[in-house]
Amino acid sequence: MLGLELVVILGVVVLVCNIAARRVRVAAPVLLLASGALLGFIPTLREVHLPPETVLLLFLPALLYWESLTTSLREIRNNLRGIVLMSTALVIATAGGVALAAHALGLPWAPAWVLGAAVAPTDATAVGVLARALPRRNVTLLRAESLINDGTALVIYGLAVGITVGEEHFDVPHISWLFLLAYGAGALAGAVTAWVGMQIHRRLEDPLLANVVSILTPFTAFLLAETVHASGVLAVVVAGLFMSQIGPRVIRAGARRQGQAFWSLTAFLLNGALFVLVGLELQSAVRGLNSVGLATGLLAVAAVSAVVVGIRFLFLFLTTYAIRLIDRRPQQRLRRVSNRARVVSGVAGFRGAVSLAAALAVPETLASGAPFPGRDMIIFVTSGVIVVTLVIQGPLLPAVVRWARLPHDRSVDEERQLAETTATEEALAALPGLADALGADQEVTDRLRREYEERLRVLHASNDQAGDEPALRHHQHYTALRLALLARKRAAVVRLRDESRIDDTVLRQVQTRLDIEEVRLSRHDSNE
């Protein structure tokens, strides 16, 4: 029964916290995390724990896939060097720095590296939610970093756990092979999965079946990579990036609309539930701290948090000036950002559910049967670092963004304007030839030409920022009237259903068409 109750509680908390976040202007993840911690005081809910396998094998593939589908591959290419450095070198540096600090606080070296690997990667879900208001380049850098760095951290984590347990050994060729296998085979698994998925999509017309393929894609990529001991994280990311480029050519409109609705809702619910479950796990981490006192544990949290944040800031500034000394190409100078923008990136290094799942996945015993050294400390410190980065840095980020005075990013609006204008112009140019090929009546052709010419005038008027242009005013009045008429049509159809003159099945069919038209008109109106 607790399972059903938990589903309802999670749903209610996610709903209430997101509504409250918009009213009190506090980031939703902060409220969700705090709510989870408060729910931990309910005795029944103390039995609820965040299963690391569920996070790493169910939540993570789905969330990473949606993030990679909606990330700009062009921006990743343009900023590839920075992304690679932050998702590999920064992760290794952070894990090493945390290991050094944890060892100084009493943890043996191998468990100290386990802790370092757990807290080293930024969290894709937290970054996606908390940093979405930043300019596109900043968001892409942070999202791409958080998508890839999990793979680096999990390789270090697996190696450190294996050495502690007694199943792995440390030597440079072995470690190099592990990284090569993780990245090379992981990328290949993602590419193969995406290619197979595309071949299946080409042969499917049913939107439901096409979206079954879409849902299977991230989990298949993850499974294929893990089967050969490669990075499942990288496989999912590569599969998502491939699908984002090939999908517009082969996935049909019905499947795409259905898929976008499914993935956006799924990601929203999974993100919210994860933050609540992480909050619930915080109390368990405090109660489970037995090897050291609470004061020592809090000191370790403060020290590790300072190391995590400090290394991130140091890395961002040192690598920037090192690159400037080495690469003096003109195009490199065009990509430079201000020191204030780097401060924003430093503050946006949030940790989340993946870090906690890694800590909870630490085995309880060694191969000899002895307890895993410092396991409770690893879980407690990881939980504390998550709280520090989310609860302190999360609310701090908007203030830092205002202080940084980042330039307003209008590139998305400008490129959307370019895309719509170019598409409309090319469609108009192709209209006579298509009409002849299809044998369309001249009246139909003229009607379509007038519609497209009107749309083109509206786009030009909107681009000129001339709100009083007759074409733009005409379009606004036209949209408002169409929406009002749609409301009347919907009311009439519902009345017919209530009077038993039409069946509910007919209502749903007509209502679907009305909804599609209303959404299209509303989106056009909001984009002008």
Protein backbone atom coordinates (compact mmCIF):
# COMPACT_ATOMS: atom_id res chain seq x y z
CA MET A 1 0.00 0.00 0.00
CA LEU A 2 2.95 2.31 0.69
CA GLY A 3 3.78 2.22 -3.03
CA LEU A 4 0.43 3.74 -4.00
CA GLU A 5 0.62 6.27 -1.19
CA LEU A 6 4.12 7.23 -2.26
CA VAL A 7 3.00 7.81 -5.86
CA VAL A 8 0.21 10.13 -4.68
CA ILE A 9 2.48 11.95 -2.22
CA LEU A 10 5.19 12.48 -4.82
CA GLY A 11 2.67 13.75 -7.34
CA VAL A 12 1.09 16.19 -4.88
CA VAL A 13 4.46 17.48 -3.67
CA VAL A 14 5.72 18.00 -7.24
CA LEU A 15 2.52 19.88 -8.13
CA VAL A 16 2.41 22.07 -5.02
CA CYS A 17 6.12 22.91 -5.05
CA ASN A 18 6.10 23.94 -8.70
CA ILE A 19 3.06 26.16 -8.16
CA ALA A 20 4.66 27.68 -5.05
CA ALA A 21 7.99 28.19 -6.84
CA ARG A 22 6.34 30.43 -9.42
CA ARG A 23 4.63 32.52 -6.76
CA VAL A 24 7.50 32.93 -4.28
CA ARG A 25 10.17 33.00 -7.04
CA VAL A 26 12.28 30.26 -5.53
CA ALA A 27 13.69 27.51 -7.74
CA ALA A 28 11.43 24.46 -7.69
CA PRO A 29 14.28 21.97 -6.95
CA VAL A 30 15.02 23.81 -3.69
CA LEU A 31 11.41 23.52 -2.54
CA LEU A 32 11.20 19.89 -3.67
CA LEU A 33 14.39 19.00 -1.79
CA ALA A 34 13.18 20.76 1.36
CA SER A 35 9.77 19.07 1.09
CA GLY A 36 11.41 15.68 0.81
CA ALA A 37 13.48 16.36 3.92
CA LEU A 38 10.34 17.39 5.83
CA LEU A 39 8.49 14.28 4.66
CA GLY A 40 11.27 12.27 6.25
CA PHE A 41 9.83 13.16 9.67
CA ILE A 42 6.76 11.03 8.88
CA PRO A 43 7.56 7.60 10.42
CA THR A 44 6.01 5.60 7.59
CA LEU A 45 8.02 7.43 4.95
CA ARG A 46 11.28 6.69 6.74
CA GLU A 47 11.06 3.26 5.15
CA VAL A 48 11.30 4.86 1.70
CA HIS A 49 14.80 4.84 0.21
CA LEU A 50 16.17 5.97 -3.11
CA PRO A 51 17.15 2.75 -4.92
CA PRO A 52 20.47 3.45 -6.70
CA GLU A 53 19.67 0.89 -9.41
CA THR A 54 16.42 2.70 -10.21
CA VAL A 55 18.21 6.02 -10.60
CA LEU A 56 21.13 4.70 -12.64
CA LEU A 57 19.19 2.25 -14.83
CA LEU A 58 15.70 3.81 -15.15
CA PHE A 59 15.68 7.52 -14.33
CA LEU A 60 19.11 8.39 -15.73
CA PRO A 61 18.70 6.98 -19.29
CA ALA A 62 15.31 8.62 -19.75
CA LEU A 63 16.40 12.02 -18.45
CA LEU A 64 19.72 12.05 -20.30
CA TYR A 65 18.00 11.07 -23.52
CA TRP A 66 15.51 13.94 -23.34
CA GLU A 67 18.28 16.40 -22.39
CA SER A 68 20.44 15.27 -25.33
CA LEU A 69 17.46 15.42 -27.72
CA THR A 70 16.87 19.05 -26.77
CA THR A 71 20.52 20.18 -26.66
CA SER A 72 22.04 22.15 -29.53
CA LEU A 73 24.57 20.00 -31.39
CA ARG A 74 25.81 23.07 -33.25
CA GLU A 75 26.68 24.79 -29.97
CA ILE A 76 28.36 21.61 -28.72
CA ARG A 77 30.56 21.57 -31.83
CA ASN A 78 31.41 25.25 -31.44
CA ASN A 79 32.38 24.78 -27.79
CA LEU A 80 33.65 21.22 -27.97
CA ARG A 81 37.04 21.87 -26.41
CA GLY A 82 35.60 23.52 -23.32
CA ILE A 83 32.95 20.84 -22.94
CA VAL A 84 35.49 18.01 -23.20
CA LEU A 85 37.78 19.66 -20.67
CA MET A 86 34.98 20.26 -18.18
CA SER A 87 33.50 16.78 -18.54
CA THR A 88 36.82 14.94 -18.23
CA ALA A 89 39.72 16.93 -16.79
CA LEU A 90 37.53 18.89 -14.36
CA VAL A 91 35.88 15.69 -13.12
CA ILE A 92 39.25 14.01 -12.55
CA ALA A 93 40.63 17.13 -10.83
CA THR A 94 37.55 17.41 -8.60
CA ALA A 95 37.63 13.73 -7.67
CA GLY A 96 41.33 13.99 -6.85
CA GLY A 97 40.91 17.15 -4.79
CA VAL A 98 38.01 15.70 -2.82
CA ALA A 99 39.95 12.45 -2.29
CA LEU A 100 42.87 14.44 -0.87
CA ALA A 101 40.59 16.37 1.49
CA ALA A 102 38.67 13.24 2.57
CA HIS A 103 41.92 11.36 3.23
CA ALA A 104 43.12 14.25 5.37
CA LEU A 105 39.87 13.88 7.35
CA GLY A 106 40.50 10.20 8.00
CA LEU A 107 39.13 8.20 5.07
CA PRO A 108 41.45 5.62 3.48
CA TRP A 109 42.65 6.50 -0.01
CA ALA A 110 40.41 4.20 -2.05
CA PRO A 111 37.14 5.13 -0.26
CA ALA A 112 38.24 8.77 -0.47
CA TRP A 113 38.38 8.40 -4.26
CA VAL A 114 34.93 6.78 -4.17
CA LEU A 115 33.63 9.92 -2.44
CA GLY A 116 35.48 12.14 -4.93
CA ALA A 117 33.98 10.29 -7.90
CA ALA A 118 30.47 10.50 -6.39
CA VAL A 119 30.50 14.28 -5.94
CA ALA A 120 32.59 15.17 -9.02
CA PRO A 121 29.88 15.24 -11.75
CA THR A 122 27.33 18.01 -12.07
CA ASP A 123 23.72 16.89 -12.32
CA ALA A 124 22.00 17.19 -15.70
CA THR A 125 18.51 17.51 -14.24
CA ALA A 126 19.47 20.19 -11.72
CA VAL A 127 21.43 22.16 -14.31
CA GLY A 128 18.58 21.87 -16.82
CA VAL A 129 16.06 23.28 -14.35
CA LEU A 130 18.12 25.91 -12.52
CA ALA A 131 20.20 27.30 -15.40
CA ARG A 132 17.54 27.47 -18.13
CA ALA A 133 17.33 31.30 -18.01
CA LEU A 134 20.97 31.75 -19.04
CA PRO A 135 22.03 32.65 -22.60
CA ARG A 136 22.09 29.74 -25.02
CA ARG A 137 25.87 29.30 -25.08
CA ASN A 138 26.10 29.16 -21.28
CA VAL A 139 23.20 26.73 -21.03
CA THR A 140 24.66 24.48 -23.74
CA LEU A 141 28.06 24.36 -22.04
CA LEU A 142 26.55 23.49 -18.68
CA ARG A 143 24.09 20.93 -20.07
CA ALA A 144 26.66 19.22 -22.28
CA GLU A 145 29.12 19.09 -19.39
CA SER A 146 26.53 17.50 -17.12
CA LEU A 147 25.50 15.01 -19.83
CA ILE A 148 29.01 13.67 -20.39
CA ASN A 149 30.74 14.03 -17.04
CA ASP A 150 28.65 11.27 -15.48
CA GLY A 151 30.49 8.80 -17.71
CA THR A 152 33.92 9.99 -16.53
CA ALA A 153 32.88 9.99 -12.89
CA LEU A 154 31.35 6.52 -13.05
CA VAL A 155 34.55 5.07 -14.51
CA ILE A 156 36.55 6.55 -11.63
CA TYR A 157 33.88 5.42 -9.20
CA GLY A 158 33.86 1.84 -10.49
CA LEU A 159 37.65 1.66 -10.37
CA ALA A 160 37.82 3.07 -6.82
CA VAL A 161 35.08 0.74 -5.54
CA GLY A 162 36.73 -2.22 -7.25
CA ILE A 163 40.13 -1.45 -5.70
CA THR A 164 38.56 -1.04 -2.24
CA VAL A 165 36.58 -4.26 -2.51
CA GLY A 166 39.59 -6.12 -3.91
CA GLU A 167 38.30 -6.80 -7.42
CA GLU A 168 40.38 -4.23 -9.34
CA HIS A 169 44.05 -3.21 -9.48
CA PHE A 170 45.70 0.12 -10.16
CA ASP A 171 48.03 0.59 -13.10
CA VAL A 172 48.14 3.18 -15.84
CA PRO A 173 47.57 0.88 -18.86
CA HIS A 174 44.54 -0.70 -17.15
CA ILE A 175 43.02 2.69 -16.31
CA SER A 176 43.69 3.98 -19.83
CA TRP A 177 41.94 0.92 -21.26
CA LEU A 178 38.92 1.46 -18.99
CA PHE A 179 38.54 5.05 -20.18
CA LEU A 180 39.03 4.08 -23.82
CA LEU A 181 36.47 1.31 -23.51
CA ALA A 182 34.01 3.55 -21.68
CA TYR A 183 34.12 6.34 -24.24
CA GLY A 184 34.85 4.49 -27.48
CA ALA A 185 32.49 1.55 -27.03
CA GLY A 186 29.90 3.75 -25.36
CA ALA A 187 29.79 6.17 -28.28
CA LEU A 188 29.67 3.26 -30.73
CA ALA A 189 26.79 1.62 -28.82
CA GLY A 190 24.83 4.89 -28.94
CA ALA A 191 25.46 5.36 -32.66
CA VAL A 192 24.46 1.78 -33.49
CA THR A 193 21.29 2.04 -31.41
CA ALA A 194 20.33 5.33 -33.09
CA TRP A 195 20.95 3.87 -36.57
CA VAL A 196 18.81 0.83 -35.86
CA GLY A 197 16.11 3.06 -34.39
CA MET A 198 16.10 5.22 -37.51
CA GLN A 199 15.71 2.19 -39.77
CA ILE A 200 12.70 1.09 -37.74
CA HIS A 201 11.21 4.61 -37.75
CA ARG A 202 11.38 4.71 -41.56
CA ARG A 203 9.09 1.68 -41.72
CA LEU A 204 6.52 2.72 -39.11
CA GLU A 205 3.52 4.94 -39.72
CA ASP A 206 1.64 4.36 -36.47
CA PRO A 207 2.61 7.13 -33.96
CA LEU A 208 2.15 4.78 -31.01
CA LEU A 209 4.56 2.19 -32.41
CA ALA A 210 7.03 4.90 -33.39
CA ASN A 211 7.06 6.21 -29.84
CA VAL A 212 7.57 2.72 -28.45
CA VAL A 213 10.79 2.72 -30.48
CA SER A 214 11.62 6.16 -29.06
CA ILE A 215 11.12 4.94 -25.49
CA LEU A 216 13.21 1.83 -26.08
CA THR A 217 16.11 3.78 -27.62
CA PRO A 218 17.81 5.16 -24.47
CA PHE A 219 17.42 1.94 -22.49
CA THR A 220 18.68 -0.18 -25.39
CA ALA A 221 21.71 2.07 -25.84
CA PHE A 222 22.42 1.96 -22.10
CA LEU A 223 22.03 -1.83 -21.96
CA LEU A 224 24.19 -2.42 -25.03
CA ALA A 225 26.99 -0.27 -23.62
CA GLU A 226 26.83 -1.79 -20.13
CA THR A 227 26.92 -5.29 -21.64
CA VAL A 228 30.42 -4.60 -22.99
CA HIS A 229 31.40 -2.66 -19.82
CA ALA A 230 31.30 0.69 -21.63
CA SER A 231 29.68 3.96 -20.57
CA GLY A 232 25.91 3.65 -20.74
CA VAL A 233 25.67 7.38 -20.07
CA LEU A 234 27.69 8.28 -23.15
CA ALA A 235 25.75 5.75 -25.24
CA VAL A 236 22.45 7.41 -24.32
CA VAL A 237 23.81 10.89 -25.01
CA VAL A 238 25.23 9.90 -28.41
CA ALA A 239 21.97 8.15 -29.34
CA GLY A 240 19.99 11.25 -28.37
CA LEU A 241 22.24 13.59 -30.34
CA PHE A 242 22.04 11.34 -33.43
CA MET A 243 18.25 11.18 -33.16
CA SER A 244 18.01 14.96 -32.78
CA GLN A 245 19.76 15.36 -36.14
CA ILE A 246 18.20 12.50 -38.12
CA GLY A 247 14.76 12.47 -36.51
CA PRO A 248 13.35 15.57 -38.28
CA ARG A 249 13.89 13.79 -41.61
CA VAL A 250 12.35 10.41 -40.83
CA ILE A 251 9.96 10.74 -37.86
CA ARG A 252 6.42 11.63 -38.93
CA ALA A 253 4.54 14.62 -37.56
CA GLY A 254 2.02 12.62 -35.51
CA ALA A 255 4.73 10.59 -33.81
CA ARG A 256 6.81 13.71 -33.17
CA ARG A 257 3.94 15.61 -31.54
CA GLN A 258 3.05 12.64 -29.37
CA GLY A 259 6.68 12.00 -28.47
CA GLN A 260 7.40 15.59 -27.46
CA ALA A 261 4.36 15.63 -25.19
CA PHE A 262 5.36 12.30 -23.63
CA TRP A 263 9.03 13.10 -23.05
CA SER A 264 8.47 16.61 -21.69
CA LEU A 265 5.89 15.37 -19.17
CA THR A 266 7.98 12.33 -18.26
CA ALA A 267 11.12 14.40 -17.70
CA PHE A 268 9.18 16.91 -15.59
CA LEU A 269 7.72 14.21 -13.32
CA LEU A 270 10.96 12.23 -13.03
CA ASN A 271 12.94 15.37 -12.20
CA GLY A 272 10.48 16.43 -9.53
CA ALA A 273 10.22 12.96 -8.01
CA LEU A 274 14.01 12.64 -7.90
CA PHE A 275 14.46 15.86 -5.94
CA VAL A 276 11.82 14.78 -3.42
CA LEU A 277 13.38 11.32 -3.03
CA VAL A 278 16.82 12.88 -2.56
CA GLY A 279 15.34 15.03 0.20
CA LEU A 280 13.80 11.94 1.82
CA GLU A 281 17.18 10.22 1.73
CA LEU A 282 18.88 13.09 3.61
CA GLN A 283 17.41 12.07 6.96
CA SER A 284 18.46 8.48 6.38
CA ALA A 285 21.99 9.71 5.68
CA VAL A 286 22.05 11.61 8.98
CA ARG A 287 20.64 8.67 10.97
CA GLY A 288 23.09 6.27 9.34
CA LEU A 289 26.20 8.26 10.28
CA ASN A 290 27.81 5.99 12.89
CA SER A 291 31.56 5.94 12.24
CA VAL A 292 32.07 9.59 13.22
CA GLY A 293 30.19 12.23 15.17
CA LEU A 294 27.75 14.65 13.55
CA ALA A 295 30.12 17.59 14.08
CA THR A 296 32.91 15.75 12.26
CA GLY A 297 30.52 14.85 9.48
CA LEU A 298 29.39 18.45 9.05
CA LEU A 299 33.02 19.58 9.01
CA ALA A 300 33.67 17.08 6.24
CA VAL A 301 30.65 18.38 4.29
CA ALA A 302 31.93 21.95 4.59
CA ALA A 303 35.46 20.96 3.56
CA VAL A 304 34.40 18.84 0.59
CA SER A 305 31.89 21.45 -0.59
CA ALA A 306 34.61 24.11 -0.46
CA VAL A 307 36.95 21.86 -2.45
CA VAL A 308 34.27 21.09 -5.06
CA VAL A 309 33.37 24.75 -5.58
CA GLY A 310 36.97 25.98 -5.32
CA ILE A 311 38.36 23.54 -7.87
CA ARG A 312 35.55 24.40 -10.29
CA PHE A 313 36.30 28.12 -10.11
CA LEU A 314 40.06 27.54 -10.30
CA PHE A 315 39.68 25.25 -13.30
CA LEU A 316 37.39 27.64 -15.18
CA PHE A 317 39.84 30.52 -14.87
CA LEU A 318 43.13 28.63 -15.27
CA THR A 319 42.07 26.70 -18.39
CA THR A 320 40.69 29.87 -19.96
CA TYR A 321 43.95 31.79 -19.67
CA ALA A 322 46.00 28.73 -20.65
CA ILE A 323 43.93 28.38 -23.83
CA ARG A 324 44.36 32.07 -24.58
CA LEU A 325 48.14 31.70 -24.34
CA ILE A 326 48.19 28.66 -26.61
CA ASP A 327 45.43 29.41 -29.12
CA ARG A 328 45.54 32.91 -30.56
CA ARG A 329 43.40 32.28 -33.63
CA PRO A 330 40.87 35.05 -34.45
CA GLN A 331 37.92 32.65 -34.17
CA GLN A 332 39.09 31.71 -30.68
CA ARG A 333 39.00 35.36 -29.65
CA LEU A 334 35.41 35.63 -30.87
CA ARG A 335 34.39 32.86 -28.43
CA ARG A 336 35.82 34.57 -25.37
CA VAL A 337 33.48 35.37 -22.49
CA SER A 338 33.86 37.72 -19.56
CA ASN A 339 35.14 36.76 -16.12
CA ARG A 340 31.67 37.45 -14.77
CA ALA A 341 30.22 34.86 -17.13
CA ARG A 342 32.75 32.35 -15.78
CA VAL A 343 31.60 33.13 -12.25
CA VAL A 344 28.07 32.25 -13.34
CA SER A 345 29.31 28.91 -14.70
CA GLY A 346 31.15 28.30 -11.45
CA VAL A 347 28.05 28.89 -9.34
CA ALA A 348 25.96 26.65 -11.64
CA GLY A 349 27.87 23.47 -10.74
CA PHE A 350 24.96 21.74 -9.01
CA ARG A 351 25.06 18.16 -7.73
CA GLY A 352 22.02 15.89 -7.56
CA ALA A 353 20.51 12.44 -7.70
CA VAL A 354 23.30 10.74 -9.67
CA SER A 355 25.83 11.63 -6.97
CA LEU A 356 23.59 10.28 -4.23
CA ALA A 357 22.77 7.14 -6.22
CA ALA A 358 26.49 6.47 -6.64
CA ALA A 359 27.07 6.89 -2.91
CA LEU A 360 24.15 4.61 -2.02
CA ALA A 361 25.40 1.99 -4.49
CA VAL A 362 28.65 1.57 -2.54
CA PRO A 363 28.69 -2.09 -1.37
CA GLU A 364 28.28 -2.72 2.33
CA THR A 365 31.09 -5.29 2.56
CA LEU A 366 34.45 -6.06 0.99
CA ALA A 367 35.42 -9.32 -0.69
CA SER A 368 36.79 -10.45 2.67
CA GLY A 369 33.44 -9.88 4.36
CA ALA A 370 34.64 -6.83 6.31
CA PRO A 371 32.51 -3.68 6.24
CA PHE A 372 33.24 -1.18 3.45
CA PRO A 373 35.37 1.49 5.17
CA GLY A 374 33.66 4.84 5.59
CA ARG A 375 30.49 3.95 3.66
CA ASP A 376 28.25 5.94 6.02
CA MET A 377 30.62 8.90 5.76
CA ILE A 378 30.54 8.75 1.95
CA ILE A 379 26.73 8.80 1.91
CA PHE A 380 26.51 11.59 4.51
CA VAL A 381 29.06 13.87 2.85
CA THR A 382 27.58 13.32 -0.62
CA SER A 383 24.13 14.24 0.72
CA GLY A 384 25.57 17.33 2.35
CA VAL A 385 27.30 18.49 -0.83
CA ILE A 386 24.03 18.10 -2.75
CA VAL A 387 22.26 20.27 -0.16
CA VAL A 388 24.99 22.93 -0.29
CA THR A 389 25.03 23.16 -4.09
CA LEU A 390 21.24 23.14 -4.48
CA VAL A 391 19.99 25.03 -1.43
CA ILE A 392 22.77 27.64 -1.30
CA GLN A 393 24.01 27.97 -4.88
CA GLY A 394 20.57 27.47 -6.44
CA PRO A 395 18.92 30.58 -4.95
CA LEU A 396 22.22 32.45 -5.35
CA LEU A 397 22.39 31.88 -9.12
CA PRO A 398 19.75 34.48 -10.18
CA ALA A 399 21.53 37.17 -8.15
CA VAL A 400 24.87 36.21 -9.70
CA VAL A 401 23.32 36.33 -13.17
CA ARG A 402 22.02 39.84 -12.51
CA TRP A 403 25.45 40.87 -11.20
CA ALA A 404 27.16 39.39 -14.25
CA ARG A 405 25.02 41.52 -16.59
CA LEU A 406 25.12 38.88 -19.30
CA PRO A 407 24.05 40.20 -22.71
CA HIS A 408 20.46 39.45 -23.63
CA ASP A 409 20.41 36.49 -25.98
CA ARG A 410 18.08 37.12 -28.93
CA SER A 411 19.74 34.57 -31.20
CA VAL A 412 16.97 31.98 -30.78
CA ASP A 413 14.26 34.52 -31.71
CA GLU A 414 16.28 35.76 -34.68
CA GLU A 415 16.97 32.25 -35.96
CA ARG A 416 13.32 31.24 -35.56
CA GLN A 417 12.35 34.32 -37.56
CA LEU A 418 14.88 33.35 -40.23
CA ALA A 419 13.61 29.77 -40.35
CA GLU A 420 9.94 30.71 -40.65
CA THR A 421 10.59 33.42 -43.23
CA THR A 422 12.85 31.23 -45.39
CA ALA A 423 10.47 28.27 -45.19
CA THR A 424 7.50 30.43 -46.19
CA GLU A 425 9.37 32.07 -49.09
CA GLU A 426 10.57 28.73 -50.45
CA ALA A 427 7.09 27.25 -50.09
CA LEU A 428 5.64 30.18 -52.05
CA ALA A 429 8.25 29.73 -54.77
CA ALA A 430 7.45 26.02 -55.01
CA LEU A 431 3.67 26.51 -55.00
CA PRO A 432 3.09 26.74 -58.82
CA GLY A 433 5.15 23.64 -59.57
CA LEU A 434 3.54 21.61 -56.79
CA ALA A 435 0.07 22.74 -57.86
CA ASP A 436 0.73 21.61 -61.42
CA ALA A 437 2.15 18.28 -60.28
CA LEU A 438 -0.87 17.59 -58.08
CA GLY A 439 -3.40 18.94 -60.59
CA ALA A 440 -4.80 21.42 -58.06
CA ASP A 441 -7.55 23.86 -59.11
CA GLN A 442 -6.45 27.44 -59.73
CA GLU A 443 -8.87 28.64 -57.04
CA VAL A 444 -7.18 26.42 -54.46
CA THR A 445 -3.74 27.58 -55.57
CA ASP A 446 -4.74 31.25 -55.34
CA ARG A 447 -6.21 30.73 -51.88
CA LEU A 448 -3.00 29.12 -50.61
CA ARG A 449 -0.90 31.86 -52.21
CA ARG A 450 -2.89 34.55 -50.42
CA GLU A 451 -2.51 32.72 -47.09
CA TYR A 452 1.24 32.34 -47.49
CA GLU A 453 1.71 35.92 -48.66
CA GLU A 454 -0.25 37.14 -45.66
CA ARG A 455 1.92 35.02 -43.36
CA LEU A 456 5.04 36.43 -44.99
CA ARG A 457 3.85 40.01 -44.48
CA VAL A 458 3.21 39.25 -40.80
CA LEU A 459 6.70 37.79 -40.41
CA HIS A 460 8.31 40.84 -42.02
CA ALA A 461 6.23 43.21 -39.87
CA SER A 462 7.18 41.29 -36.73
CA ASN A 463 10.84 41.33 -37.70
CA ASP A 464 10.75 45.12 -38.14
CA GLN A 465 9.32 45.48 -34.61
CA ALA A 466 6.50 47.57 -36.11
CA GLY A 467 3.62 46.69 -33.84
CA ASP A 468 1.29 49.15 -35.58
CA GLU A 469 1.83 47.67 -39.05
CA PRO A 470 -1.54 46.90 -40.68
CA ALA A 471 -0.45 43.34 -41.51
CA LEU A 472 0.55 42.60 -37.93
CA ARG A 473 -2.58 44.22 -36.50
CA HIS A 474 -4.71 42.30 -38.97
CA HIS A 475 -3.04 39.04 -37.94
CA GLN A 476 -3.58 39.74 -34.24
CA HIS A 477 -7.27 40.47 -34.79
CA TYR A 478 -7.58 37.40 -37.02
CA THR A 479 -5.97 35.16 -34.38
CA ALA A 480 -8.13 36.53 -31.57
CA LEU A 481 -11.30 36.04 -33.61
CA ARG A 482 -10.31 32.51 -34.65
CA LEU A 483 -9.66 31.57 -31.01
CA ALA A 484 -13.02 33.01 -29.97
CA LEU A 485 -14.78 31.03 -32.72
CA LEU A 486 -12.97 27.87 -31.65
CA ALA A 487 -14.28 28.36 -28.12
CA ARG A 488 -17.81 28.64 -29.50
CA LYS A 489 -17.35 25.51 -31.63
CA ARG A 490 -16.05 23.58 -28.63
CA ALA A 491 -19.00 24.69 -26.49
CA ALA A 492 -21.42 23.62 -29.24
CA VAL A 493 -19.85 20.17 -29.53
CA VAL A 494 -19.90 19.65 -25.75
CA ARG A 495 -23.58 20.71 -25.67
CA LEU A 496 -24.41 18.16 -28.35
CA ARG A 497 -22.71 15.48 -26.28
CA ASP A 498 -24.60 16.57 -23.13
CA GLU A 499 -27.87 16.39 -25.09
CA SER A 500 -26.94 12.83 -26.19
CA ARG A 501 -27.07 13.86 -29.84
CA ILE A 502 -23.46 12.77 -30.39
CA ASP A 503 -21.36 10.14 -28.66
CA ASP A 504 -18.28 10.77 -26.51
CA THR A 505 -16.18 9.16 -29.22
CA VAL A 506 -17.31 11.82 -31.71
CA LEU A 507 -16.67 14.54 -29.12
CA ARG A 508 -13.08 13.38 -28.64
CA GLN A 509 -12.45 13.22 -32.39
CA VAL A 510 -13.77 16.73 -33.05
CA GLN A 511 -12.15 18.11 -29.91
CA THR A 512 -8.74 16.77 -31.00
CA ARG A 513 -8.91 18.75 -34.24
CA LEU A 514 -10.06 21.87 -32.39
CA ASP A 515 -7.23 21.49 -29.86
CA ILE A 516 -4.62 21.17 -32.61
CA GLU A 517 -5.87 24.36 -34.26
CA GLU A 518 -6.00 26.24 -30.94
CA VAL A 519 -2.45 25.22 -30.00
CA ARG A 520 -1.19 26.26 -33.44
CA LEU A 521 -2.85 29.68 -33.23
CA SER A 522 -1.72 30.25 -29.65
CA ARG A 523 1.90 29.40 -30.45
CA HIS A 524 1.96 31.66 -33.48
CA ASP A 525 0.48 34.48 -31.43
CA SER A 526 3.07 34.08 -28.66
CA ASN A 527 5.95 34.06 -31.17
CA GLU A 528 5.05 37.29 -32.94
